Amino acid sequence: MIGATAICLSMAITHESKADAASCPSPIPLGLTTALTGNLALLGTQARNGVEFAVDEINAGGGISGKKLALTTEDTGASSTDALNAMNRILEGKPLVIFGSMISPHVFAQTDVVTKSETPFLVGATNAKVTAQGSKWLFRTHVHDGQLADLIPEYLVKSLGKTRPGIMAVADDYGLGASKGIQASLAKLKVSPVAVTSYAPSDKDMSAQLLEIKDKDADSLILFGRPADVTLVVKQMGDLGIKLTTIGNSSIVAQTTLNNLSAAEADGTYAIGGMIPQTSTDAKILDWSKRVQEKYKVPADNFTVSYYDTVHMLKSIIEKVGCDKPAIRDALAATRDWKGMLISYQADARGDLAHTLGIYRNKGKTPELAGPIKENGY
């Protein structure tokens, strides 16, 4: 009798779960705002690729309880004003969930209006303060620069033995916030940077900053930027004959960066950041990465993986709680050990779900995984 009761209860729970998902609209509306034009388009397309690839994959498999997903995408361009306007257009379609980009100023501009709409908002924006805005509707599924600000100095000093670093960061919310965090973490290690420099996102010549760091007898460089400008910095180091142990965010090992560097320029540089698929030895993951590149002609990176995982996480939640927005929000906040492609996700009190990062070293133009590293406390 106990066994029969358990079976019946299990069937009832399964039926209820399917009934909830079956009650969703057809198709299930999703929104995405990301930079597809302007100087941030290279990054923005990675978010689009990850979300779109997952949506197409789910729809090809029959959707969620037979309901297909309908994705509406709006281009944020390169300005926060355009990002807010793009979000307002998305909200007009009353999406069930909205995916925001990894561009932190855009997400800051959008958070208030999305919060007022009471729509779950899933982002990859990397400024640590993104999830400190007090919105219970916002969740981040990518690692952030607060984690990097702790782990990069720790690895540089304790593992690589460098104690005279120069710091160079892109001069926007993303880079300057990271630079402040890195300086604070170095101070805890009783290390003072010999120079702290920055460059505008549109700058093409960083030689003055590099020469300042060299002239102050640095033994290493902490570099924090985006693929296009990181490429310029590394190339100009070679042109100037500056040889320093270089470590930074995942832009250093991004395929889009490596495609524009020679093997000699890239060799030996380090990065800590979100997990990238190219270093995996899993045939399924390598096949996935190959299929993404074949479809979009752009290599999958850590953001592609994060956004792809996010859509599949959402699918698993809708299958359990249906299309009720507060229920989806609560399920995201309660996430524990949800296994994605390369890491497991766990929600903390602020809404951050990614706490595992990778340590990488370029061997020529090939990034190699030195090992995973977890945020302190995880």
Foldseek 3Di string as FASTA:
>chain_A
DVVVVVVVVVVVLLVVLLVQAVPADAAAEEEEEFACDEPCNLQRVLLVLLQVVLLVVCVVVQHFSNGHYDYDYDHQHDDLVSLQVRVVVSVVVVHLAYEYEQDVSNLVSNVVVVLVVLHQYEYQHAQPCSLVPPRLRYAYQFHHLLLVLQPVLCCCCVVVNFQAEEEEFEPDSRTVSSLVSNQVNSVVVVGHHLYYYYHYPPDQDPLVVVVSSVVSPGQAYEYEYALVVVLSVLVVCVVVVNDHAYEYACSLLALSNLVSDFLVSSAFHKYKTADFLQQDPDPVSVVVQVVSCVVPVGGNGRSSQRSNQVNVVLSVQCSNRNSDRVSSSVCQQQADQCDGDPGGFDHDPSNYTDFKMFMWGRNRSHIHTPDIDGRPPD
